[in-house]
Amino acid sequence: MKTLKPLYPLLLLLLIVAFFHTALAQSRVIPGNRSTTWTQAEWLKHNLQYYKLVSLDMLDSLYEVKRYTLKTQELYGVDETIEVYNVMKGGIALFSVLPDFLNESNWTAMELEDIQEAILGEQDFGRMFHFPDFSSTIKTKTMSVRLLKKEEGKYWVSNVCLLELFGPNEYISDVHPSIFNVQQGTINIRQTPISIAQMMEIYKDSPLYKKNYPFPLDFRASMFSSIVNYFELEREYLSRILEINGEQAYQFWTLTDWSSPSTYSYNRGVDRFVYMPDKGIVGGSYDFYFLYEQDLGWPSTWPDLRPRHRKTKEELWQNVIQEKVMRAEELK
């Protein structure tokens, strides 16, 4: 028995992994076997304690909400749609309803009594909007808040939703845009532009980074990367100023890492985006979601119904280095 003692921690770990793997597999819809598994509505009802819902009717009554539609064909080679909601009041709460690759629809009809307890009130949403703190590491982005809409007498919950909170340009970024390093989540339209390609060259020339820390946006070798110092480097960088339909627009990209190959690196958020002061965020890319390699993570238990992209890794990298984005259909 003494010889088995060193194996006990390993055996215990394997049992824990097997337990959670089985539990997760049973908690989602498995295509082709829906008769013995939950429907999407049942899954949402069962897992409601992990989510909060925000009513679009409530948002429309209290805030200015700008809605846009993004098409994924050109960027990712698949015919999908992303719904973008800019909730604007000082800052921006950006809701992105992403395609649900595990279901045919991106929204699920629910009974109000089944979801009532998860709906955020006006004050709770207001506190979340202006004082975000979703986690110790990712304070301004979450996939645990979903949109709720009412159409034709039915209540619908978004299946996959990313919420990102962007603060306003205050004194530091308005008056002294290039002196202070503003925190991530600040849309600073007055900083000195720098492209992804230019930043990559800076990384290559730095003796601190080039040896042990490859350029964190580059996923070609691995879907995992790391940033040396988040507090100094991680934020949105202005890349260029352009015009859309005669109005000035600003294109940004985010310097951050691929934090985990086994789940969504949603810390990346809308990692390249176009911002217009009176319209909000009107274009972007969601590489963390469409480039997710299913076989590396837990979601492989529930196989996708359709591909997330039809591009080669090199084509996807060209999207990054050339800073390609999807632009709102409403502004074309």
Foldseek 3Di string as FASTA:
>chain_A
DVVCVVVVVVVVVVVVVVVVLVVVLQLDQAPPPPVNHPDLQVSCLVPVVQAAEEEPVVLVVPFDKFKFKFACCVQFNDGDIKIWIWTDDQWTKIKIQGDDQLDPDQKDWYDCVSNVVRYDDPVRVVCCQVPFQPDPVQGFKDFRYWYWYADPNTIITGPTMMIGHAHEDDDCLPPPNDPDDDAARYDRQPYDADAPVRVQVVQCPDPVDNPPFHQQVQPPVHLWGADPDCGRAWHKGWHDWDDFPRAIKTKIATRGHSHDLADQSCSCPQGIFIQGPVRGTFKGDRCSPLVRDHVRYSCVSRDGPDHSGDDDSVSNVCCRRVVPITGTPVRD
